[in-house]
Amino acid sequence: PDLIVDSGSTGRTYVELAERVQQQT
C-alpha cells in the first residue's frame, strides 16, 4: 500500500499503534 487508513478511536492506544506501524513500515 501507499497509505494505511484507520477510522475509530483517536485515543492514546490507537495513536501509539499508528505511530509504531508507520515507523516500522
PDBML (XML) file of the C-alpha atoms, coordinates in Angstrom:
<?xml version="1.0" encoding="UTF-8" ?>
<PDBx:datablock datablockName="MODEL"
   xmlns:PDBx="http://pdbml.pdb.org/schema/pdbx-v50.xsd"
   xmlns:xsi="http://www.w3.org/2001/XMLSchema-instance"
   xsi:schemaLocation="http://pdbml.pdb.org/schema/pdbx-v50.xsd pdbx-v50.xsd">
   <PDBx:atom_siteCategory>
      <PDBx:atom_site id="1">
         <PDBx:B_iso_or_equiv>0.00</PDBx:B_iso_or_equiv>
         <PDBx:Cartn_x>0.000</PDBx:Cartn_x>
         <PDBx:Cartn_y>0.000</PDBx:Cartn_y>
         <PDBx:Cartn_z>0.000</PDBx:Cartn_z>
         <PDBx:auth_asym_id>A</PDBx:auth_asym_id>
         <PDBx:auth_atom_id>CA</PDBx:auth_atom_id>
         <PDBx:auth_comp_id>PRO</PDBx:auth_comp_id>
         <PDBx:auth_seq_id>1</PDBx:auth_seq_id>
         <PDBx:group_PDB>ATOM</PDBx:group_PDB>
         <PDBx:label_alt_id xsi:nil="true" />
         <PDBx:label_asym_id>A</PDBx:label_asym_id>
         <PDBx:label_atom_id>CA</PDBx:label_atom_id>
         <PDBx:label_comp_id>PRO</PDBx:label_comp_id>
         <PDBx:label_entity_id>1</PDBx:label_entity_id>
         <PDBx:label_seq_id>1</PDBx:label_seq_id>
         <PDBx:occupancy>1.00</PDBx:occupancy>
         <PDBx:pdbx_PDB_model_num>1</PDBx:pdbx_PDB_model_num>
         <PDBx:type_symbol>C</PDBx:type_symbol>
      </PDBx:atom_site>
      <PDBx:atom_site id="2">
         <PDBx:B_iso_or_equiv>0.00</PDBx:B_iso_or_equiv>
         <PDBx:Cartn_x>0.916</PDBx:Cartn_x>
         <PDBx:Cartn_y>3.651</PDBx:Cartn_y>
         <PDBx:Cartn_z>-0.391</PDBx:Cartn_z>
         <PDBx:auth_asym_id>A</PDBx:auth_asym_id>
         <PDBx:auth_atom_id>CA</PDBx:auth_atom_id>
         <PDBx:auth_comp_id>ASP</PDBx:auth_comp_id>
         <PDBx:auth_seq_id>2</PDBx:auth_seq_id>
         <PDBx:group_PDB>ATOM</PDBx:group_PDB>
         <PDBx:label_alt_id xsi:nil="true" />
         <PDBx:label_asym_id>A</PDBx:label_asym_id>
         <PDBx:label_atom_id>CA</PDBx:label_atom_id>
         <PDBx:label_comp_id>ASP</PDBx:label_comp_id>
         <PDBx:label_entity_id>1</PDBx:label_entity_id>
         <PDBx:label_seq_id>2</PDBx:label_seq_id>
         <PDBx:occupancy>1.00</PDBx:occupancy>
         <PDBx:pdbx_PDB_model_num>1</PDBx:pdbx_PDB_model_num>
         <PDBx:type_symbol>C</PDBx:type_symbol>
      </PDBx:atom_site>
      <PDBx:atom_site id="3">
         <PDBx:B_iso_or_equiv>0.00</PDBx:B_iso_or_equiv>
         <PDBx:Cartn_x>-1.215</PDBx:Cartn_x>
         <PDBx:Cartn_y>4.573</PDBx:Cartn_y>
         <PDBx:Cartn_z>2.612</PDBx:Cartn_z>
         <PDBx:auth_asym_id>A</PDBx:auth_asym_id>
         <PDBx:auth_atom_id>CA</PDBx:auth_atom_id>
         <PDBx:auth_comp_id>LEU</PDBx:auth_comp_id>
         <PDBx:auth_seq_id>3</PDBx:auth_seq_id>
         <PDBx:group_PDB>ATOM</PDBx:group_PDB>
         <PDBx:label_alt_id xsi:nil="true" />
         <PDBx:label_asym_id>A</PDBx:label_asym_id>
         <PDBx:label_atom_id>CA</PDBx:label_atom_id>
         <PDBx:label_comp_id>LEU</PDBx:label_comp_id>
         <PDBx:label_entity_id>1</PDBx:label_entity_id>
         <PDBx:label_seq_id>3</PDBx:label_seq_id>
         <PDBx:occupancy>1.00</PDBx:occupancy>
         <PDBx:pdbx_PDB_model_num>1</PDBx:pdbx_PDB_model_num>
         <PDBx:type_symbol>C</PDBx:type_symbol>
      </PDBx:atom_site>
      <PDBx:atom_site id="4">
         <PDBx:B_iso_or_equiv>0.00</PDBx:B_iso_or_equiv>
         <PDBx:Cartn_x>-2.841</PDBx:Cartn_x>
         <PDBx:Cartn_y>2.920</PDBx:Cartn_y>
         <PDBx:Cartn_z>5.662</PDBx:Cartn_z>
         <PDBx:auth_asym_id>A</PDBx:auth_asym_id>
         <PDBx:auth_atom_id>CA</PDBx:auth_atom_id>
         <PDBx:auth_comp_id>ILE</PDBx:auth_comp_id>
         <PDBx:auth_seq_id>4</PDBx:auth_seq_id>
         <PDBx:group_PDB>ATOM</PDBx:group_PDB>
         <PDBx:label_alt_id xsi:nil="true" />
         <PDBx:label_asym_id>A</PDBx:label_asym_id>
         <PDBx:label_atom_id>CA</PDBx:label_atom_id>
         <PDBx:label_comp_id>ILE</PDBx:label_comp_id>
         <PDBx:label_entity_id>1</PDBx:label_entity_id>
         <PDBx:label_seq_id>4</PDBx:label_seq_id>
         <PDBx:occupancy>1.00</PDBx:occupancy>
         <PDBx:pdbx_PDB_model_num>1</PDBx:pdbx_PDB_model_num>
         <PDBx:type_symbol>C</PDBx:type_symbol>
      </PDBx:atom_site>
      <PDBx:atom_site id="5">
         <PDBx:B_iso_or_equiv>0.00</PDBx:B_iso_or_equiv>
         <PDBx:Cartn_x>-6.095</PDBx:Cartn_x>
         <PDBx:Cartn_y>4.396</PDBx:Cartn_y>
         <PDBx:Cartn_z>6.950</PDBx:Cartn_z>
         <PDBx:auth_asym_id>A</PDBx:auth_asym_id>
         <PDBx:auth_atom_id>CA</PDBx:auth_atom_id>
         <PDBx:auth_comp_id>VAL</PDBx:auth_comp_id>
         <PDBx:auth_seq_id>5</PDBx:auth_seq_id>
         <PDBx:group_PDB>ATOM</PDBx:group_PDB>
         <PDBx:label_alt_id xsi:nil="true" />
         <PDBx:label_asym_id>A</PDBx:label_asym_id>
         <PDBx:label_atom_id>CA</PDBx:label_atom_id>
         <PDBx:label_comp_id>VAL</PDBx:label_comp_id>
         <PDBx:label_entity_id>1</PDBx:label_entity_id>
         <PDBx:label_seq_id>5</PDBx:label_seq_id>
         <PDBx:occupancy>1.00</PDBx:occupancy>
         <PDBx:pdbx_PDB_model_num>1</PDBx:pdbx_PDB_model_num>
         <PDBx:type_symbol>C</PDBx:type_symbol>
      </PDBx:atom_site>
      <PDBx:atom_site id="6">
         <PDBx:B_iso_or_equiv>0.00</PDBx:B_iso_or_equiv>
         <PDBx:Cartn_x>-7.909</PDBx:Cartn_x>
         <PDBx:Cartn_y>3.678</PDBx:Cartn_y>
         <PDBx:Cartn_z>10.197</PDBx:Cartn_z>
         <PDBx:auth_asym_id>A</PDBx:auth_asym_id>
         <PDBx:auth_atom_id>CA</PDBx:auth_atom_id>
         <PDBx:auth_comp_id>ASP</PDBx:auth_comp_id>
         <PDBx:auth_seq_id>6</PDBx:auth_seq_id>
         <PDBx:group_PDB>ATOM</PDBx:group_PDB>
         <PDBx:label_alt_id xsi:nil="true" />
         <PDBx:label_asym_id>A</PDBx:label_asym_id>
         <PDBx:label_atom_id>CA</PDBx:label_atom_id>
         <PDBx:label_comp_id>ASP</PDBx:label_comp_id>
         <PDBx:label_entity_id>1</PDBx:label_entity_id>
         <PDBx:label_seq_id>6</PDBx:label_seq_id>
         <PDBx:occupancy>1.00</PDBx:occupancy>
         <PDBx:pdbx_PDB_model_num>1</PDBx:pdbx_PDB_model_num>
         <PDBx:type_symbol>C</PDBx:type_symbol>
      </PDBx:atom_site>
      <PDBx:atom_site id="7">
         <PDBx:B_iso_or_equiv>0.00</PDBx:B_iso_or_equiv>
         <PDBx:Cartn_x>-11.182</PDBx:Cartn_x>
         <PDBx:Cartn_y>5.163</PDBx:Cartn_y>
         <PDBx:Cartn_z>11.438</PDBx:Cartn_z>
         <PDBx:auth_asym_id>A</PDBx:auth_asym_id>
         <PDBx:auth_atom_id>CA</PDBx:auth_atom_id>
         <PDBx:auth_comp_id>SER</PDBx:auth_comp_id>
         <PDBx:auth_seq_id>7</PDBx:auth_seq_id>
         <PDBx:group_PDB>ATOM</PDBx:group_PDB>
         <PDBx:label_alt_id xsi:nil="true" />
         <PDBx:label_asym_id>A</PDBx:label_asym_id>
         <PDBx:label_atom_id>CA</PDBx:label_atom_id>
         <PDBx:label_comp_id>SER</PDBx:label_comp_id>
         <PDBx:label_entity_id>1</PDBx:label_entity_id>
         <PDBx:label_seq_id>7</PDBx:label_seq_id>
         <PDBx:occupancy>1.00</PDBx:occupancy>
         <PDBx:pdbx_PDB_model_num>1</PDBx:pdbx_PDB_model_num>
         <PDBx:type_symbol>C</PDBx:type_symbol>
      </PDBx:atom_site>
      <PDBx:atom_site id="8">
         <PDBx:B_iso_or_equiv>0.00</PDBx:B_iso_or_equiv>
         <PDBx:Cartn_x>-12.254</PDBx:Cartn_x>
         <PDBx:Cartn_y>4.899</PDBx:Cartn_y>
         <PDBx:Cartn_z>15.043</PDBx:Cartn_z>
         <PDBx:auth_asym_id>A</PDBx:auth_asym_id>
         <PDBx:auth_atom_id>CA</PDBx:auth_atom_id>
         <PDBx:auth_comp_id>GLY</PDBx:auth_comp_id>
         <PDBx:auth_seq_id>8</PDBx:auth_seq_id>
         <PDBx:group_PDB>ATOM</PDBx:group_PDB>
         <PDBx:label_alt_id xsi:nil="true" />
         <PDBx:label_asym_id>A</PDBx:label_asym_id>
         <PDBx:label_atom_id>CA</PDBx:label_atom_id>
         <PDBx:label_comp_id>GLY</PDBx:label_comp_id>
         <PDBx:label_entity_id>1</PDBx:label_entity_id>
         <PDBx:label_seq_id>8</PDBx:label_seq_id>
         <PDBx:occupancy>1.00</PDBx:occupancy>
         <PDBx:pdbx_PDB_model_num>1</PDBx:pdbx_PDB_model_num>
         <PDBx:type_symbol>C</PDBx:type_symbol>
      </PDBx:atom_site>
      <PDBx:atom_site id="9">
         <PDBx:B_iso_or_equiv>0.00</PDBx:B_iso_or_equiv>
         <PDBx:Cartn_x>-10.874</PDBx:Cartn_x>
         <PDBx:Cartn_y>5.919</PDBx:Cartn_y>
         <PDBx:Cartn_z>18.401</PDBx:Cartn_z>
         <PDBx:auth_asym_id>A</PDBx:auth_asym_id>
         <PDBx:auth_atom_id>CA</PDBx:auth_atom_id>
         <PDBx:auth_comp_id>SER</PDBx:auth_comp_id>
         <PDBx:auth_seq_id>9</PDBx:auth_seq_id>
         <PDBx:group_PDB>ATOM</PDBx:group_PDB>
         <PDBx:label_alt_id xsi:nil="true" />
         <PDBx:label_asym_id>A</PDBx:label_asym_id>
         <PDBx:label_atom_id>CA</PDBx:label_atom_id>
         <PDBx:label_comp_id>SER</PDBx:label_comp_id>
         <PDBx:label_entity_id>1</PDBx:label_entity_id>
         <PDBx:label_seq_id>9</PDBx:label_seq_id>
         <PDBx:occupancy>1.00</PDBx:occupancy>
         <PDBx:pdbx_PDB_model_num>1</PDBx:pdbx_PDB_model_num>
         <PDBx:type_symbol>C</PDBx:type_symbol>
      </PDBx:atom_site>
      <PDBx:atom_site id="10">
         <PDBx:B_iso_or_equiv>0.00</PDBx:B_iso_or_equiv>
         <PDBx:Cartn_x>-8.177</PDBx:Cartn_x>
         <PDBx:Cartn_y>8.586</PDBx:Cartn_y>
         <PDBx:Cartn_z>18.419</PDBx:Cartn_z>
         <PDBx:auth_asym_id>A</PDBx:auth_asym_id>
         <PDBx:auth_atom_id>CA</PDBx:auth_atom_id>
         <PDBx:auth_comp_id>THR</PDBx:auth_comp_id>
         <PDBx:auth_seq_id>10</PDBx:auth_seq_id>
         <PDBx:group_PDB>ATOM</PDBx:group_PDB>
         <PDBx:label_alt_id xsi:nil="true" />
         <PDBx:label_asym_id>A</PDBx:label_asym_id>
         <PDBx:label_atom_id>CA</PDBx:label_atom_id>
         <PDBx:label_comp_id>THR</PDBx:label_comp_id>
         <PDBx:label_entity_id>1</PDBx:label_entity_id>
         <PDBx:label_seq_id>10</PDBx:label_seq_id>
         <PDBx:occupancy>1.00</PDBx:occupancy>
         <PDBx:pdbx_PDB_model_num>1</PDBx:pdbx_PDB_model_num>
         <PDBx:type_symbol>C</PDBx:type_symbol>
      </PDBx:atom_site>
      <PDBx:atom_site id="11">
         <PDBx:B_iso_or_equiv>0.00</PDBx:B_iso_or_equiv>
         <PDBx:Cartn_x>-7.182</PDBx:Cartn_x>
         <PDBx:Cartn_y>7.733</PDBx:Cartn_y>
         <PDBx:Cartn_z>21.983</PDBx:Cartn_z>
         <PDBx:auth_asym_id>A</PDBx:auth_asym_id>
         <PDBx:auth_atom_id>CA</PDBx:auth_atom_id>
         <PDBx:auth_comp_id>GLY</PDBx:auth_comp_id>
         <PDBx:auth_seq_id>11</PDBx:auth_seq_id>
         <PDBx:group_PDB>ATOM</PDBx:group_PDB>
         <PDBx:label_alt_id xsi:nil="true" />
         <PDBx:label_asym_id>A</PDBx:label_asym_id>
         <PDBx:label_atom_id>CA</PDBx:label_atom_id>
         <PDBx:label_comp_id>GLY</PDBx:label_comp_id>
         <PDBx:label_entity_id>1</PDBx:label_entity_id>
         <PDBx:label_seq_id>11</PDBx:label_seq_id>
         <PDBx:occupancy>1.00</PDBx:occupancy>
         <PDBx:pdbx_PDB_model_num>1</PDBx:pdbx_PDB_model_num>
         <PDBx:type_symbol>C</PDBx:type_symbol>
      </PDBx:atom_site>
      <PDBx:atom_site id="12">
         <PDBx:B_iso_or_equiv>0.00</PDBx:B_iso_or_equiv>
         <PDBx:Cartn_x>-3.623</PDBx:Cartn_x>
         <PDBx:Cartn_y>7.146</PDBx:Cartn_y>
         <PDBx:Cartn_z>23.099</PDBx:Cartn_z>
         <PDBx:auth_asym_id>A</PDBx:auth_asym_id>
         <PDBx:auth_atom_id>CA</PDBx:auth_atom_id>
         <PDBx:auth_comp_id>ARG</PDBx:auth_comp_id>
         <PDBx:auth_seq_id>12</PDBx:auth_seq_id>
         <PDBx:group_PDB>ATOM</PDBx:group_PDB>
         <PDBx:label_alt_id xsi:nil="true" />
         <PDBx:label_asym_id>A</PDBx:label_asym_id>
         <PDBx:label_atom_id>CA</PDBx:label_atom_id>
         <PDBx:label_comp_id>ARG</PDBx:label_comp_id>
         <PDBx:label_entity_id>1</PDBx:label_entity_id>
         <PDBx:label_seq_id>12</PDBx:label_seq_id>
         <PDBx:occupancy>1.00</PDBx:occupancy>
         <PDBx:pdbx_PDB_model_num>1</PDBx:pdbx_PDB_model_num>
         <PDBx:type_symbol>C</PDBx:type_symbol>
      </PDBx:atom_site>
      <PDBx:atom_site id="13">
         <PDBx:B_iso_or_equiv>0.00</PDBx:B_iso_or_equiv>
         <PDBx:Cartn_x>-3.631</PDBx:Cartn_x>
         <PDBx:Cartn_y>3.413</PDBx:Cartn_y>
         <PDBx:Cartn_z>22.401</PDBx:Cartn_z>
         <PDBx:auth_asym_id>A</PDBx:auth_asym_id>
         <PDBx:auth_atom_id>CA</PDBx:auth_atom_id>
         <PDBx:auth_comp_id>THR</PDBx:auth_comp_id>
         <PDBx:auth_seq_id>13</PDBx:auth_seq_id>
         <PDBx:group_PDB>ATOM</PDBx:group_PDB>
         <PDBx:label_alt_id xsi:nil="true" />
         <PDBx:label_asym_id>A</PDBx:label_asym_id>
         <PDBx:label_atom_id>CA</PDBx:label_atom_id>
         <PDBx:label_comp_id>THR</PDBx:label_comp_id>
         <PDBx:label_entity_id>1</PDBx:label_entity_id>
         <PDBx:label_seq_id>13</PDBx:label_seq_id>
         <PDBx:occupancy>1.00</PDBx:occupancy>
         <PDBx:pdbx_PDB_model_num>1</PDBx:pdbx_PDB_model_num>
         <PDBx:type_symbol>C</PDBx:type_symbol>
      </PDBx:atom_site>
      <PDBx:atom_site id="14">
         <PDBx:B_iso_or_equiv>0.00</PDBx:B_iso_or_equiv>
         <PDBx:Cartn_x>-4.520</PDBx:Cartn_x>
         <PDBx:Cartn_y>3.927</PDBx:Cartn_y>
         <PDBx:Cartn_z>18.758</PDBx:Cartn_z>
         <PDBx:auth_asym_id>A</PDBx:auth_asym_id>
         <PDBx:auth_atom_id>CA</PDBx:auth_atom_id>
         <PDBx:auth_comp_id>TYR</PDBx:auth_comp_id>
         <PDBx:auth_seq_id>14</PDBx:auth_seq_id>
         <PDBx:group_PDB>ATOM</PDBx:group_PDB>
         <PDBx:label_alt_id xsi:nil="true" />
         <PDBx:label_asym_id>A</PDBx:label_asym_id>
         <PDBx:label_atom_id>CA</PDBx:label_atom_id>
         <PDBx:label_comp_id>TYR</PDBx:label_comp_id>
         <PDBx:label_entity_id>1</PDBx:label_entity_id>
         <PDBx:label_seq_id>14</PDBx:label_seq_id>
         <PDBx:occupancy>1.00</PDBx:occupancy>
         <PDBx:pdbx_PDB_model_num>1</PDBx:pdbx_PDB_model_num>
         <PDBx:type_symbol>C</PDBx:type_symbol>
      </PDBx:atom_site>
      <PDBx:atom_site id="15">
         <PDBx:B_iso_or_equiv>0.00</PDBx:B_iso_or_equiv>
         <PDBx:Cartn_x>-2.217</PDBx:Cartn_x>
         <PDBx:Cartn_y>6.879</PDBx:Cartn_y>
         <PDBx:Cartn_z>18.263</PDBx:Cartn_z>
         <PDBx:auth_asym_id>A</PDBx:auth_asym_id>
         <PDBx:auth_atom_id>CA</PDBx:auth_atom_id>
         <PDBx:auth_comp_id>VAL</PDBx:auth_comp_id>
         <PDBx:auth_seq_id>15</PDBx:auth_seq_id>
         <PDBx:group_PDB>ATOM</PDBx:group_PDB>
         <PDBx:label_alt_id xsi:nil="true" />
         <PDBx:label_asym_id>A</PDBx:label_asym_id>
         <PDBx:label_atom_id>CA</PDBx:label_atom_id>
         <PDBx:label_comp_id>VAL</PDBx:label_comp_id>
         <PDBx:label_entity_id>1</PDBx:label_entity_id>
         <PDBx:label_seq_id>15</PDBx:label_seq_id>
         <PDBx:occupancy>1.00</PDBx:occupancy>
         <PDBx:pdbx_PDB_model_num>1</PDBx:pdbx_PDB_model_num>
         <PDBx:type_symbol>C</PDBx:type_symbol>
      </PDBx:atom_site>
      <PDBx:atom_site id="16">
         <PDBx:B_iso_or_equiv>0.00</PDBx:B_iso_or_equiv>
         <PDBx:Cartn_x>0.666</PDBx:Cartn_x>
         <PDBx:Cartn_y>4.797</PDBx:Cartn_y>
         <PDBx:Cartn_z>19.600</PDBx:Cartn_z>
         <PDBx:auth_asym_id>A</PDBx:auth_asym_id>
         <PDBx:auth_atom_id>CA</PDBx:auth_atom_id>
         <PDBx:auth_comp_id>GLU</PDBx:auth_comp_id>
         <PDBx:auth_seq_id>16</PDBx:auth_seq_id>
         <PDBx:group_PDB>ATOM</PDBx:group_PDB>
         <PDBx:label_alt_id xsi:nil="true" />
         <PDBx:label_asym_id>A</PDBx:label_asym_id>
         <PDBx:label_atom_id>CA</PDBx:label_atom_id>
         <PDBx:label_comp_id>GLU</PDBx:label_comp_id>
         <PDBx:label_entity_id>1</PDBx:label_entity_id>
         <PDBx:label_seq_id>16</PDBx:label_seq_id>
         <PDBx:occupancy>1.00</PDBx:occupancy>
         <PDBx:pdbx_PDB_model_num>1</PDBx:pdbx_PDB_model_num>
         <PDBx:type_symbol>C</PDBx:type_symbol>
      </PDBx:atom_site>
      <PDBx:atom_site id="17">
         <PDBx:B_iso_or_equiv>0.00</PDBx:B_iso_or_equiv>
         <PDBx:Cartn_x>-0.300</PDBx:Cartn_x>
         <PDBx:Cartn_y>1.936</PDBx:Cartn_y>
         <PDBx:Cartn_z>17.312</PDBx:Cartn_z>
         <PDBx:auth_asym_id>A</PDBx:auth_asym_id>
         <PDBx:auth_atom_id>CA</PDBx:auth_atom_id>
         <PDBx:auth_comp_id>LEU</PDBx:auth_comp_id>
         <PDBx:auth_seq_id>17</PDBx:auth_seq_id>
         <PDBx:group_PDB>ATOM</PDBx:group_PDB>
         <PDBx:label_alt_id xsi:nil="true" />
         <PDBx:label_asym_id>A</PDBx:label_asym_id>
         <PDBx:label_atom_id>CA</PDBx:label_atom_id>
         <PDBx:label_comp_id>LEU</PDBx:label_comp_id>
         <PDBx:label_entity_id>1</PDBx:label_entity_id>
         <PDBx:label_seq_id>17</PDBx:label_seq_id>
         <PDBx:occupancy>1.00</PDBx:occupancy>
         <PDBx:pdbx_PDB_model_num>1</PDBx:pdbx_PDB_model_num>
         <PDBx:type_symbol>C</PDBx:type_symbol>
      </PDBx:atom_site>
      <PDBx:atom_site id="18">
         <PDBx:B_iso_or_equiv>0.00</PDBx:B_iso_or_equiv>
         <PDBx:Cartn_x>-0.419</PDBx:Cartn_x>
         <PDBx:Cartn_y>4.231</PDBx:Cartn_y>
         <PDBx:Cartn_z>14.289</PDBx:Cartn_z>
         <PDBx:auth_asym_id>A</PDBx:auth_asym_id>
         <PDBx:auth_atom_id>CA</PDBx:auth_atom_id>
         <PDBx:auth_comp_id>ALA</PDBx:auth_comp_id>
         <PDBx:auth_seq_id>18</PDBx:auth_seq_id>
         <PDBx:group_PDB>ATOM</PDBx:group_PDB>
         <PDBx:label_alt_id xsi:nil="true" />
         <PDBx:label_asym_id>A</PDBx:label_asym_id>
         <PDBx:label_atom_id>CA</PDBx:label_atom_id>
         <PDBx:label_comp_id>ALA</PDBx:label_comp_id>
         <PDBx:label_entity_id>1</PDBx:label_entity_id>
         <PDBx:label_seq_id>18</PDBx:label_seq_id>
         <PDBx:occupancy>1.00</PDBx:occupancy>
         <PDBx:pdbx_PDB_model_num>1</PDBx:pdbx_PDB_model_num>
         <PDBx:type_symbol>C</PDBx:type_symbol>
      </PDBx:atom_site>
      <PDBx:atom_site id="19">
         <PDBx:B_iso_or_equiv>0.00</PDBx:B_iso_or_equiv>
         <PDBx:Cartn_x>2.996</PDBx:Cartn_x>
         <PDBx:Cartn_y>5.672</PDBx:Cartn_y>
         <PDBx:Cartn_z>15.129</PDBx:Cartn_z>
         <PDBx:auth_asym_id>A</PDBx:auth_asym_id>
         <PDBx:auth_atom_id>CA</PDBx:auth_atom_id>
         <PDBx:auth_comp_id>GLU</PDBx:auth_comp_id>
         <PDBx:auth_seq_id>19</PDBx:auth_seq_id>
         <PDBx:group_PDB>ATOM</PDBx:group_PDB>
         <PDBx:label_alt_id xsi:nil="true" />
         <PDBx:label_asym_id>A</PDBx:label_asym_id>
         <PDBx:label_atom_id>CA</PDBx:label_atom_id>
         <PDBx:label_comp_id>GLU</PDBx:label_comp_id>
         <PDBx:label_entity_id>1</PDBx:label_entity_id>
         <PDBx:label_seq_id>19</PDBx:label_seq_id>
         <PDBx:occupancy>1.00</PDBx:occupancy>
         <PDBx:pdbx_PDB_model_num>1</PDBx:pdbx_PDB_model_num>
         <PDBx:type_symbol>C</PDBx:type_symbol>
      </PDBx:atom_site>
      <PDBx:atom_site id="20">
         <PDBx:B_iso_or_equiv>0.00</PDBx:B_iso_or_equiv>
         <PDBx:Cartn_x>4.502</PDBx:Cartn_x>
         <PDBx:Cartn_y>2.223</PDBx:Cartn_y>
         <PDBx:Cartn_z>15.643</PDBx:Cartn_z>
         <PDBx:auth_asym_id>A</PDBx:auth_asym_id>
         <PDBx:auth_atom_id>CA</PDBx:auth_atom_id>
         <PDBx:auth_comp_id>ARG</PDBx:auth_comp_id>
         <PDBx:auth_seq_id>20</PDBx:auth_seq_id>
         <PDBx:group_PDB>ATOM</PDBx:group_PDB>
         <PDBx:label_alt_id xsi:nil="true" />
         <PDBx:label_asym_id>A</PDBx:label_asym_id>
         <PDBx:label_atom_id>CA</PDBx:label_atom_id>
         <PDBx:label_comp_id>ARG</PDBx:label_comp_id>
         <PDBx:label_entity_id>1</PDBx:label_entity_id>
         <PDBx:label_seq_id>20</PDBx:label_seq_id>
         <PDBx:occupancy>1.00</PDBx:occupancy>
         <PDBx:pdbx_PDB_model_num>1</PDBx:pdbx_PDB_model_num>
         <PDBx:type_symbol>C</PDBx:type_symbol>
      </PDBx:atom_site>
      <PDBx:atom_site id="21">
         <PDBx:B_iso_or_equiv>0.00</PDBx:B_iso_or_equiv>
         <PDBx:Cartn_x>3.125</PDBx:Cartn_x>
         <PDBx:Cartn_y>0.816</PDBx:Cartn_y>
         <PDBx:Cartn_z>12.387</PDBx:Cartn_z>
         <PDBx:auth_asym_id>A</PDBx:auth_asym_id>
         <PDBx:auth_atom_id>CA</PDBx:auth_atom_id>
         <PDBx:auth_comp_id>VAL</PDBx:auth_comp_id>
         <PDBx:auth_seq_id>21</PDBx:auth_seq_id>
         <PDBx:group_PDB>ATOM</PDBx:group_PDB>
         <PDBx:label_alt_id xsi:nil="true" />
         <PDBx:label_asym_id>A</PDBx:label_asym_id>
         <PDBx:label_atom_id>CA</PDBx:label_atom_id>
         <PDBx:label_comp_id>VAL</PDBx:label_comp_id>
         <PDBx:label_entity_id>1</PDBx:label_entity_id>
         <PDBx:label_seq_id>21</PDBx:label_seq_id>
         <PDBx:occupancy>1.00</PDBx:occupancy>
         <PDBx:pdbx_PDB_model_num>1</PDBx:pdbx_PDB_model_num>
         <PDBx:type_symbol>C</PDBx:type_symbol>
      </PDBx:atom_site>
      <PDBx:atom_site id="22">
         <PDBx:B_iso_or_equiv>0.00</PDBx:B_iso_or_equiv>
         <PDBx:Cartn_x>4.183</PDBx:Cartn_x>
         <PDBx:Cartn_y>3.887</PDBx:Cartn_y>
         <PDBx:Cartn_z>10.438</PDBx:Cartn_z>
         <PDBx:auth_asym_id>A</PDBx:auth_asym_id>
         <PDBx:auth_atom_id>CA</PDBx:auth_atom_id>
         <PDBx:auth_comp_id>GLN</PDBx:auth_comp_id>
         <PDBx:auth_seq_id>22</PDBx:auth_seq_id>
         <PDBx:group_PDB>ATOM</PDBx:group_PDB>
         <PDBx:label_alt_id xsi:nil="true" />
         <PDBx:label_asym_id>A</PDBx:label_asym_id>
         <PDBx:label_atom_id>CA</PDBx:label_atom_id>
         <PDBx:label_comp_id>GLN</PDBx:label_comp_id>
         <PDBx:label_entity_id>1</PDBx:label_entity_id>
         <PDBx:label_seq_id>22</PDBx:label_seq_id>
         <PDBx:occupancy>1.00</PDBx:occupancy>
         <PDBx:pdbx_PDB_model_num>1</PDBx:pdbx_PDB_model_num>
         <PDBx:type_symbol>C</PDBx:type_symbol>
      </PDBx:atom_site>
      <PDBx:atom_site id="23">
         <PDBx:B_iso_or_equiv>0.00</PDBx:B_iso_or_equiv>
         <PDBx:Cartn_x>7.688</PDBx:Cartn_x>
         <PDBx:Cartn_y>3.825</PDBx:Cartn_y>
         <PDBx:Cartn_z>11.895</PDBx:Cartn_z>
         <PDBx:auth_asym_id>A</PDBx:auth_asym_id>
         <PDBx:auth_atom_id>CA</PDBx:auth_atom_id>
         <PDBx:auth_comp_id>GLN</PDBx:auth_comp_id>
         <PDBx:auth_seq_id>23</PDBx:auth_seq_id>
         <PDBx:group_PDB>ATOM</PDBx:group_PDB>
         <PDBx:label_alt_id xsi:nil="true" />
         <PDBx:label_asym_id>A</PDBx:label_asym_id>
         <PDBx:label_atom_id>CA</PDBx:label_atom_id>
         <PDBx:label_comp_id>GLN</PDBx:label_comp_id>
         <PDBx:label_entity_id>1</PDBx:label_entity_id>
         <PDBx:label_seq_id>23</PDBx:label_seq_id>
         <PDBx:occupancy>1.00</PDBx:occupancy>
         <PDBx:pdbx_PDB_model_num>1</PDBx:pdbx_PDB_model_num>
         <PDBx:type_symbol>C</PDBx:type_symbol>
      </PDBx:atom_site>
      <PDBx:atom_site id="24">
         <PDBx:B_iso_or_equiv>0.00</PDBx:B_iso_or_equiv>
         <PDBx:Cartn_x>8.239</PDBx:Cartn_x>
         <PDBx:Cartn_y>0.144</PDBx:Cartn_y>
         <PDBx:Cartn_z>11.241</PDBx:Cartn_z>
         <PDBx:auth_asym_id>A</PDBx:auth_asym_id>
         <PDBx:auth_atom_id>CA</PDBx:auth_atom_id>
         <PDBx:auth_comp_id>GLN</PDBx:auth_comp_id>
         <PDBx:auth_seq_id>24</PDBx:auth_seq_id>
         <PDBx:group_PDB>ATOM</PDBx:group_PDB>
         <PDBx:label_alt_id xsi:nil="true" />
         <PDBx:label_asym_id>A</PDBx:label_asym_id>
         <PDBx:label_atom_id>CA</PDBx:label_atom_id>
         <PDBx:label_comp_id>GLN</PDBx:label_comp_id>
         <PDBx:label_entity_id>1</PDBx:label_entity_id>
         <PDBx:label_seq_id>24</PDBx:label_seq_id>
         <PDBx:occupancy>1.00</PDBx:occupancy>
         <PDBx:pdbx_PDB_model_num>1</PDBx:pdbx_PDB_model_num>
         <PDBx:type_symbol>C</PDBx:type_symbol>
      </PDBx:atom_site>
      <PDBx:atom_site id="25">
         <PDBx:B_iso_or_equiv>0.00</PDBx:B_iso_or_equiv>
         <PDBx:Cartn_x>6.881</PDBx:Cartn_x>
         <PDBx:Cartn_y>0.076</PDBx:Cartn_y>
         <PDBx:Cartn_z>7.707</PDBx:Cartn_z>
         <PDBx:auth_asym_id>A</PDBx:auth_asym_id>
         <PDBx:auth_atom_id>CA</PDBx:auth_atom_id>
         <PDBx:auth_comp_id>THR</PDBx:auth_comp_id>
         <PDBx:auth_seq_id>25</PDBx:auth_seq_id>
         <PDBx:group_PDB>ATOM</PDBx:group_PDB>
         <PDBx:label_alt_id xsi:nil="true" />
         <PDBx:label_asym_id>A</PDBx:label_asym_id>
         <PDBx:label_atom_id>CA</PDBx:label_atom_id>
         <PDBx:label_comp_id>THR</PDBx:label_comp_id>
         <PDBx:label_entity_id>1</PDBx:label_entity_id>
         <PDBx:label_seq_id>25</PDBx:label_seq_id>
         <PDBx:occupancy>1.00</PDBx:occupancy>
         <PDBx:pdbx_PDB_model_num>1</PDBx:pdbx_PDB_model_num>
         <PDBx:type_symbol>C</PDBx:type_symbol>
      </PDBx:atom_site>
   </PDBx:atom_siteCategory>
</PDBx:datablock>
